[in-house]
């Protein structure tokens, strides 16, 4: 499974070593489908130019997309991203396995959005696949919805 290490360069969390792992294929697919469905429920349109620009374009749009979601859906999506993050409590001792995050690990308000953005970048290809899978179906459903006129009663 692909992992990256990310360390804030400045601020109260500077020097901390966060390990961000890619979700398993099934977890990432499920997470992405739930996010895309939440966006669709919120009436958000995924920008076509972001889809065509590939993974980099979607990464750049991620926070704007999450802004369309309900608080509950956004919390679930953000939680899924942070589930990918662990921390090396002693970055100098590589023999110690990274540990799950706890609230005390993060003191800088800029660290959480940065960690979520990095986790999104690692998993954005599943998000893109879910968009291509779900949004065409939504578009078809919107095109076939009745226009409000009911046939006359017999």
N, C-alpha and C. Protein backbone atom coordinates (compact mmCIF):
# COMPACT_ATOMS: atom_id res chain seq x y z
N UNK A 1 0.84 -1.17 0.00
CA UNK A 1 0.00 0.00 0.00
C UNK A 1 0.90 1.24 0.00
N UNK A 2 0.56 2.20 -0.83
CA UNK A 2 1.37 3.40 -0.96
C UNK A 2 1.22 4.28 0.27
N UNK A 3 2.34 4.79 0.76
CA UNK A 3 2.34 5.72 1.87
C UNK A 3 3.30 6.86 1.56
N UNK A 4 3.01 8.00 2.15
CA UNK A 4 3.94 9.12 2.09
C UNK A 4 4.14 9.63 3.51
N UNK A 5 5.23 10.30 3.71
CA UNK A 5 5.46 10.97 4.98
C UNK A 5 5.37 12.46 4.72
N UNK A 6 4.72 13.17 5.62
CA UNK A 6 4.54 14.60 5.49
C UNK A 6 4.88 15.26 6.82
N UNK A 7 5.69 16.29 6.75
CA UNK A 7 6.12 17.02 7.93
C UNK A 7 5.88 18.50 7.71
N UNK A 8 5.11 19.14 8.58
CA UNK A 8 4.93 20.59 8.44
C UNK A 8 6.28 21.30 8.57
N UNK A 9 6.51 22.28 7.71
CA UNK A 9 7.78 23.01 7.72
C UNK A 9 7.81 24.11 8.77
N UNK A 10 6.62 24.62 9.14
CA UNK A 10 6.59 25.71 10.13
C UNK A 10 5.35 25.57 10.98
N UNK A 11 5.29 26.36 12.02
CA UNK A 11 4.15 26.35 12.92
C UNK A 11 4.37 25.40 14.09
N UNK A 12 3.39 25.33 14.98
CA UNK A 12 3.51 24.51 16.18
C UNK A 12 3.73 23.02 15.92
N UNK A 13 3.31 22.53 14.76
CA UNK A 13 3.48 21.10 14.45
C UNK A 13 4.72 20.82 13.60
N UNK A 14 5.54 21.85 13.39
CA UNK A 14 6.77 21.67 12.59
C UNK A 14 7.62 20.56 13.19
N UNK A 15 8.13 19.70 12.32
CA UNK A 15 8.99 18.61 12.75
C UNK A 15 8.26 17.31 13.05
N UNK A 16 6.95 17.37 13.22
CA UNK A 16 6.19 16.14 13.45
C UNK A 16 6.12 15.38 12.13
N UNK A 17 6.22 14.07 12.21
CA UNK A 17 6.21 13.25 11.01
C UNK A 17 4.90 12.47 10.92
N UNK A 18 4.07 12.85 9.97
CA UNK A 18 2.80 12.19 9.74
C UNK A 18 2.95 11.21 8.58
N UNK A 19 2.40 10.03 8.73
CA UNK A 19 2.44 9.00 7.70
C UNK A 19 1.02 8.87 7.15
N UNK A 20 0.90 9.11 5.85
CA UNK A 20 -0.40 9.06 5.20
C UNK A 20 -0.41 7.87 4.26
N UNK A 21 -1.35 6.98 4.48
CA UNK A 21 -1.43 5.74 3.70
C UNK A 21 -2.64 5.79 2.78
N UNK A 22 -2.47 5.19 1.64
CA UNK A 22 -3.58 5.07 0.69
C UNK A 22 -4.60 4.09 1.25
N UNK A 23 -5.87 4.37 1.05
CA UNK A 23 -6.92 3.45 1.49
C UNK A 23 -6.85 2.18 0.65
N UNK A 24 -7.39 1.10 1.20
CA UNK A 24 -7.51 -0.10 0.38
C UNK A 24 -8.48 0.20 -0.76
N UNK A 25 -8.43 -0.56 -1.81
CA UNK A 25 -9.28 -0.31 -2.97
C UNK A 25 -10.76 -0.31 -2.59
N UNK A 26 -11.20 -1.27 -1.79
CA UNK A 26 -12.61 -1.34 -1.43
C UNK A 26 -13.02 -0.19 -0.52
N UNK A 27 -12.17 0.15 0.43
CA UNK A 27 -12.46 1.27 1.33
C UNK A 27 -12.51 2.58 0.55
N UNK A 28 -11.53 2.79 -0.34
CA UNK A 28 -11.47 4.02 -1.12
C UNK A 28 -12.65 4.13 -2.07
N UNK A 29 -13.03 3.03 -2.69
CA UNK A 29 -14.17 3.04 -3.60
C UNK A 29 -15.44 3.41 -2.83
N UNK A 30 -15.65 2.80 -1.67
CA UNK A 30 -16.83 3.07 -0.85
C UNK A 30 -16.81 4.53 -0.38
N UNK A 31 -15.66 5.01 0.10
CA UNK A 31 -15.53 6.39 0.56
C UNK A 31 -15.85 7.36 -0.58
N UNK A 32 -15.28 7.11 -1.75
CA UNK A 32 -15.48 8.01 -2.89
C UNK A 32 -16.93 8.02 -3.34
N UNK A 33 -17.55 6.85 -3.40
CA UNK A 33 -18.96 6.80 -3.81
C UNK A 33 -19.84 7.56 -2.83
N UNK A 34 -19.56 7.45 -1.54
CA UNK A 34 -20.35 8.16 -0.54
C UNK A 34 -20.16 9.67 -0.68
N UNK A 35 -18.94 10.10 -0.94
CA UNK A 35 -18.67 11.52 -1.13
C UNK A 35 -19.39 12.04 -2.38
N UNK A 36 -19.29 11.32 -3.47
CA UNK A 36 -19.92 11.76 -4.71
C UNK A 36 -21.43 11.80 -4.55
N UNK A 37 -22.00 10.81 -3.88
CA UNK A 37 -23.45 10.82 -3.66
C UNK A 37 -23.85 11.98 -2.76
N UNK A 38 -23.05 12.30 -1.75
CA UNK A 38 -23.35 13.45 -0.89
C UNK A 38 -23.29 14.75 -1.68
N UNK A 39 -22.34 14.84 -2.59
CA UNK A 39 -22.26 16.03 -3.46
C UNK A 39 -23.48 16.12 -4.36
N UNK A 40 -23.89 15.00 -4.89
CA UNK A 40 -25.07 14.99 -5.77
C UNK A 40 -26.32 15.39 -4.99
N UNK A 41 -26.47 14.87 -3.76
CA UNK A 41 -27.61 15.24 -2.92
C UNK A 41 -27.62 16.74 -2.64
N UNK A 42 -26.43 17.31 -2.50
CA UNK A 42 -26.30 18.74 -2.22
C UNK A 42 -26.50 19.58 -3.48
N UNK A 43 -26.61 18.91 -4.64
CA UNK A 43 -26.81 19.63 -5.89
C UNK A 43 -25.53 20.17 -6.49
N UNK A 44 -24.39 19.71 -6.00
CA UNK A 44 -23.11 20.19 -6.52
C UNK A 44 -22.81 19.56 -7.87
N UNK A 45 -22.29 20.35 -8.75
CA UNK A 45 -21.81 19.85 -10.04
C UNK A 45 -20.30 19.76 -9.96
N UNK A 46 -19.75 18.61 -10.30
CA UNK A 46 -18.31 18.48 -10.33
C UNK A 46 -17.81 19.23 -11.56
N UNK A 47 -16.90 20.18 -11.37
CA UNK A 47 -16.44 20.97 -12.51
C UNK A 47 -15.84 20.09 -13.61
N UNK A 48 -16.36 20.26 -14.82
CA UNK A 48 -15.88 19.46 -15.96
C UNK A 48 -14.39 19.68 -16.19
N UNK A 49 -13.94 20.93 -16.06
CA UNK A 49 -12.52 21.18 -16.30
C UNK A 49 -11.64 20.45 -15.29
N UNK A 50 -12.14 20.27 -14.06
CA UNK A 50 -11.37 19.52 -13.07
C UNK A 50 -11.30 18.05 -13.46
N UNK A 51 -12.42 17.50 -13.96
CA UNK A 51 -12.41 16.10 -14.40
C UNK A 51 -11.44 15.90 -15.55
N UNK A 52 -11.44 16.84 -16.49
CA UNK A 52 -10.58 16.71 -17.66
C UNK A 52 -9.12 16.98 -17.34
N UNK A 53 -8.86 17.71 -16.26
CA UNK A 53 -7.46 17.99 -15.91
C UNK A 53 -6.86 16.86 -15.08
N UNK A 54 -7.67 15.86 -14.79
CA UNK A 54 -7.14 14.67 -14.13
C UNK A 54 -7.00 14.83 -12.64
N UNK A 55 -6.12 14.02 -12.08
CA UNK A 55 -5.96 13.95 -10.63
C UNK A 55 -5.56 15.30 -10.06
N UNK A 56 -4.67 16.01 -10.70
CA UNK A 56 -4.22 17.31 -10.18
C UNK A 56 -5.38 18.29 -10.12
N UNK A 57 -6.23 18.29 -11.13
CA UNK A 57 -7.38 19.19 -11.14
C UNK A 57 -8.36 18.89 -10.03
N UNK A 58 -8.63 17.61 -9.81
CA UNK A 58 -9.54 17.24 -8.73
C UNK A 58 -8.94 17.55 -7.38
N UNK A 59 -7.65 17.35 -7.22
CA UNK A 59 -7.00 17.68 -5.94
C UNK A 59 -7.17 19.15 -5.64
N UNK A 60 -7.03 19.97 -6.65
CA UNK A 60 -7.16 21.40 -6.45
C UNK A 60 -8.59 21.82 -6.13
N UNK A 61 -9.57 21.04 -6.55
CA UNK A 61 -10.98 21.36 -6.33
C UNK A 61 -11.54 20.73 -5.06
N UNK A 62 -10.78 19.88 -4.39
CA UNK A 62 -11.34 19.06 -3.32
C UNK A 62 -12.02 19.86 -2.23
N UNK A 63 -11.39 20.88 -1.71
CA UNK A 63 -12.00 21.61 -0.60
C UNK A 63 -13.22 22.39 -1.07
N UNK A 64 -13.21 22.90 -2.29
CA UNK A 64 -14.39 23.59 -2.82
C UNK A 64 -15.55 22.61 -2.94
N UNK A 65 -15.27 21.39 -3.36
CA UNK A 65 -16.32 20.38 -3.49
C UNK A 65 -16.91 20.03 -2.12
N UNK A 66 -16.06 19.87 -1.12
CA UNK A 66 -16.55 19.51 0.21
C UNK A 66 -17.41 20.62 0.80
N UNK A 67 -17.21 21.85 0.36
CA UNK A 67 -18.00 22.97 0.84
C UNK A 67 -19.47 22.88 0.48
N UNK A 68 -19.83 22.06 -0.50
CA UNK A 68 -21.22 21.88 -0.92
C UNK A 68 -21.96 20.89 -0.03
N UNK A 69 -21.25 20.09 0.73
CA UNK A 69 -21.86 18.99 1.47
C UNK A 69 -22.47 19.47 2.77
N UNK A 70 -23.40 18.67 3.29
CA UNK A 70 -23.95 18.95 4.62
C UNK A 70 -22.83 18.75 5.64
N UNK A 71 -23.00 19.33 6.81
CA UNK A 71 -21.98 19.19 7.86
C UNK A 71 -21.72 17.72 8.19
N UNK A 72 -22.79 16.95 8.30
CA UNK A 72 -22.66 15.53 8.65
C UNK A 72 -21.89 14.76 7.58
N UNK A 73 -22.23 14.98 6.30
CA UNK A 73 -21.53 14.30 5.21
C UNK A 73 -20.07 14.74 5.14
N UNK A 74 -19.84 16.03 5.34
CA UNK A 74 -18.47 16.54 5.29
C UNK A 74 -17.64 15.95 6.44
N UNK A 75 -18.23 15.88 7.63
CA UNK A 75 -17.51 15.29 8.77
C UNK A 75 -17.12 13.84 8.47
N UNK A 76 -18.06 13.08 7.86
CA UNK A 76 -17.75 11.69 7.52
C UNK A 76 -16.65 11.60 6.48
N UNK A 77 -16.71 12.47 5.49
CA UNK A 77 -15.68 12.47 4.44
C UNK A 77 -14.32 12.83 5.02
N UNK A 78 -14.29 13.87 5.83
CA UNK A 78 -13.02 14.29 6.44
C UNK A 78 -12.48 13.22 7.39
N UNK A 79 -13.38 12.56 8.13
CA UNK A 79 -12.95 11.49 9.02
C UNK A 79 -12.32 10.35 8.23
N UNK A 80 -12.91 10.02 7.09
CA UNK A 80 -12.34 8.98 6.23
C UNK A 80 -10.94 9.32 5.77
N UNK A 81 -10.71 10.60 5.48
CA UNK A 81 -9.37 11.02 5.06
C UNK A 81 -8.39 10.94 6.23
N UNK A 82 -8.82 11.38 7.41
CA UNK A 82 -7.91 11.34 8.56
C UNK A 82 -7.65 9.93 9.05
N UNK A 83 -8.54 8.99 8.70
CA UNK A 83 -8.28 7.58 9.04
C UNK A 83 -7.04 7.06 8.32
N UNK A 84 -6.61 7.75 7.29
CA UNK A 84 -5.42 7.36 6.53
C UNK A 84 -4.12 7.84 7.19
N UNK A 85 -4.25 8.64 8.24
CA UNK A 85 -3.09 9.32 8.81
C UNK A 85 -2.69 8.70 10.15
N UNK A 86 -1.39 8.45 10.28
CA UNK A 86 -0.80 8.05 11.55
C UNK A 86 0.37 9.00 11.81
N UNK A 87 1.02 8.85 12.96
CA UNK A 87 2.12 9.74 13.31
C UNK A 87 3.30 8.94 13.84
N UNK A 88 4.48 9.37 13.46
CA UNK A 88 5.69 8.80 14.04
C UNK A 88 5.99 9.62 15.29
N UNK A 89 5.74 9.06 16.43
CA UNK A 89 5.94 9.80 17.68
C UNK A 89 7.42 10.13 17.91
N UNK A 90 8.29 9.27 17.44
CA UNK A 90 9.73 9.54 17.50
C UNK A 90 10.29 9.37 16.08
N UNK A 91 10.31 10.48 15.31
CA UNK A 91 10.74 10.38 13.91
C UNK A 91 12.18 9.87 13.74
N UNK A 92 12.99 9.95 14.78
CA UNK A 92 14.37 9.49 14.68
C UNK A 92 14.49 7.98 14.85
N UNK A 93 13.46 7.33 15.39
CA UNK A 93 13.50 5.89 15.63
C UNK A 93 12.55 5.20 14.64
N UNK A 94 13.11 4.78 13.51
CA UNK A 94 12.31 4.14 12.46
C UNK A 94 11.81 2.75 12.85
N UNK A 95 12.34 2.20 13.93
CA UNK A 95 11.89 0.88 14.39
C UNK A 95 10.50 0.95 15.02
N UNK A 96 10.12 2.12 15.50
CA UNK A 96 8.79 2.29 16.09
C UNK A 96 7.76 2.48 14.98
N UNK A 97 6.71 1.71 15.05
CA UNK A 97 5.63 1.82 14.06
C UNK A 97 4.87 3.13 14.29
N UNK A 98 4.37 3.73 13.21
CA UNK A 98 3.53 4.92 13.39
C UNK A 98 2.29 4.59 14.20
N UNK A 99 1.84 5.53 15.00
CA UNK A 99 0.69 5.34 15.89
C UNK A 99 -0.53 6.09 15.35
N UNK A 100 -1.72 5.64 15.72
CA UNK A 100 -2.93 6.37 15.32
C UNK A 100 -2.91 7.79 15.89
N UNK A 101 -3.52 8.70 15.15
CA UNK A 101 -3.61 10.09 15.61
C UNK A 101 -4.51 10.20 16.82
N UNK A 102 -4.14 11.09 17.71
CA UNK A 102 -5.04 11.50 18.79
C UNK A 102 -5.10 13.02 18.73
N UNK A 103 -6.10 13.61 19.35
CA UNK A 103 -6.28 15.06 19.27
C UNK A 103 -5.06 15.83 19.73
N UNK A 104 -4.34 15.31 20.72
CA UNK A 104 -3.18 16.01 21.25
C UNK A 104 -2.02 16.08 20.26
N UNK A 105 -2.07 15.28 19.18
CA UNK A 105 -0.98 15.27 18.19
C UNK A 105 -0.95 16.53 17.34
N UNK A 106 -2.06 17.21 17.23
CA UNK A 106 -2.15 18.35 16.33
C UNK A 106 -2.52 19.60 17.12
N UNK A 107 -1.66 20.61 17.02
CA UNK A 107 -1.93 21.88 17.71
C UNK A 107 -2.09 23.04 16.74
N UNK A 108 -1.58 22.91 15.54
CA UNK A 108 -1.65 23.97 14.54
C UNK A 108 -2.93 23.82 13.73
N UNK A 109 -3.77 24.86 13.64
CA UNK A 109 -5.02 24.74 12.87
C UNK A 109 -4.78 24.50 11.38
N UNK A 110 -3.61 24.75 10.88
CA UNK A 110 -3.31 24.51 9.47
C UNK A 110 -2.94 23.06 9.17
N UNK A 111 -2.62 22.30 10.19
CA UNK A 111 -2.18 20.92 9.99
C UNK A 111 -3.32 20.02 9.51
N UNK A 112 -4.49 20.13 10.13
CA UNK A 112 -5.61 19.26 9.73
C UNK A 112 -5.99 19.41 8.26
N UNK A 113 -6.21 20.64 7.76
CA UNK A 113 -6.54 20.74 6.33
C UNK A 113 -5.42 20.24 5.43
N UNK A 114 -4.17 20.45 5.85
CA UNK A 114 -3.05 19.97 5.03
C UNK A 114 -3.02 18.45 5.00
N UNK A 115 -3.27 17.80 6.13
CA UNK A 115 -3.30 16.34 6.17
C UNK A 115 -4.44 15.79 5.32
N UNK A 116 -5.61 16.41 5.42
CA UNK A 116 -6.74 15.96 4.61
C UNK A 116 -6.43 16.12 3.12
N UNK A 117 -5.80 17.23 2.76
CA UNK A 117 -5.47 17.46 1.35
C UNK A 117 -4.48 16.41 0.85
N UNK A 118 -3.49 16.08 1.65
CA UNK A 118 -2.51 15.05 1.25
C UNK A 118 -3.18 13.68 1.13
N UNK A 119 -4.07 13.36 2.06
CA UNK A 119 -4.78 12.07 1.99
C UNK A 119 -5.68 12.04 0.76
N UNK A 120 -6.33 13.16 0.45
CA UNK A 120 -7.17 13.23 -0.74
C UNK A 120 -6.33 12.99 -1.99
N UNK A 121 -5.15 13.60 -2.06
CA UNK A 121 -4.27 13.41 -3.23
C UNK A 121 -3.92 11.94 -3.43
N UNK A 122 -3.71 11.22 -2.33
CA UNK A 122 -3.37 9.79 -2.44
C UNK A 122 -4.55 8.96 -2.93
N UNK A 123 -5.77 9.43 -2.69
CA UNK A 123 -6.95 8.63 -2.99
C UNK A 123 -7.83 9.21 -4.08
N UNK A 124 -7.40 10.29 -4.71
CA UNK A 124 -8.25 11.02 -5.64
C UNK A 124 -8.62 10.19 -6.88
N UNK A 125 -7.82 9.23 -7.26
CA UNK A 125 -8.18 8.44 -8.43
C UNK A 125 -9.45 7.62 -8.19
N UNK A 126 -9.69 7.19 -6.95
CA UNK A 126 -10.94 6.49 -6.64
C UNK A 126 -12.11 7.47 -6.69
N UNK A 127 -11.88 8.69 -6.26
CA UNK A 127 -12.90 9.73 -6.33
C UNK A 127 -13.28 10.00 -7.78
N UNK A 128 -12.28 10.10 -8.63
CA UNK A 128 -12.51 10.34 -10.05
C UNK A 128 -13.32 9.19 -10.66
N UNK A 129 -12.97 7.97 -10.30
CA UNK A 129 -13.71 6.81 -10.82
C UNK A 129 -15.16 6.85 -10.37
N UNK A 130 -15.39 7.24 -9.12
CA UNK A 130 -16.76 7.31 -8.60
C UNK A 130 -17.55 8.39 -9.32
N UNK A 131 -16.90 9.51 -9.64
CA UNK A 131 -17.59 10.58 -10.37
C UNK A 131 -18.03 10.07 -11.74
N UNK A 132 -17.11 9.40 -12.44
CA UNK A 132 -17.45 8.88 -13.76
C UNK A 132 -18.53 7.81 -13.68
N UNK A 133 -18.58 7.11 -12.56
CA UNK A 133 -19.57 6.04 -12.40
C UNK A 133 -20.94 6.62 -12.02
N UNK A 134 -20.98 7.59 -11.14
CA UNK A 134 -22.25 8.06 -10.58
C UNK A 134 -22.83 9.26 -11.31
N UNK A 135 -22.03 10.26 -11.64
CA UNK A 135 -22.58 11.47 -12.23
C UNK A 135 -23.30 11.25 -13.57
N UNK A 136 -22.81 10.39 -14.45
CA UNK A 136 -23.59 10.15 -15.68
C UNK A 136 -24.98 9.57 -15.37
N UNK A 137 -25.06 8.73 -14.35
CA UNK A 137 -26.36 8.17 -13.97
C UNK A 137 -27.28 9.27 -13.44
N UNK A 138 -26.72 10.18 -12.66
CA UNK A 138 -27.52 11.29 -12.14
C UNK A 138 -27.99 12.18 -13.28
N UNK A 139 -27.12 12.44 -14.22
CA UNK A 139 -27.50 13.28 -15.36
C UNK A 139 -28.64 12.64 -16.15
N UNK A 140 -28.58 11.33 -16.33
CA UNK A 140 -29.64 10.63 -17.04
C UNK A 140 -30.94 10.73 -16.27
N UNK A 141 -30.87 10.54 -14.95
CA UNK A 141 -32.08 10.64 -14.14
C UNK A 141 -32.68 12.04 -14.20
N UNK A 142 -31.83 13.06 -14.17
CA UNK A 142 -32.34 14.44 -14.25
C UNK A 142 -33.00 14.69 -15.59
N UNK A 143 -32.46 14.12 -16.66
CA UNK A 143 -33.02 14.32 -18.00
C UNK A 143 -34.36 13.62 -18.16
N UNK A 144 -34.56 12.53 -17.42
CA UNK A 144 -35.78 11.74 -17.60
C UNK A 144 -36.84 12.05 -16.56
N UNK A 145 -36.60 13.00 -15.66
CA UNK A 145 -37.60 13.34 -14.66
C UNK A 145 -38.78 14.01 -15.34
N UNK A 146 -40.00 13.71 -14.87
CA UNK A 146 -41.16 14.35 -15.47
C UNK A 146 -41.10 15.85 -15.24
N UNK A 147 -41.67 16.60 -16.16
CA UNK A 147 -41.61 18.05 -16.07
C UNK A 147 -42.72 18.62 -15.22
N UNK A 148 -43.42 17.80 -14.50
CA UNK A 148 -44.45 18.27 -13.57
C UNK A 148 -45.86 18.16 -14.11
N UNK A 149 -46.03 17.95 -15.39
CA UNK A 149 -47.36 17.83 -15.96
C UNK A 149 -47.85 16.39 -15.81
N UNK A 150 -48.96 16.24 -15.16
CA UNK A 150 -49.52 14.91 -14.99
C UNK A 150 -50.55 14.66 -16.11
N UNK A 151 -50.66 13.43 -16.57
CA UNK A 151 -51.67 13.15 -17.60
C UNK A 151 -53.06 13.38 -17.02
N UNK A 152 -54.00 13.73 -17.88
CA UNK A 152 -55.37 13.95 -17.36
C UNK A 152 -55.94 12.67 -16.77
N UNK A 153 -56.72 12.83 -15.73
CA UNK A 153 -57.34 11.67 -15.06
C UNK A 153 -58.37 11.06 -15.98
N UNK A 154 -58.45 9.76 -15.98
CA UNK A 154 -59.39 9.05 -16.88
C UNK A 154 -60.75 8.93 -16.26
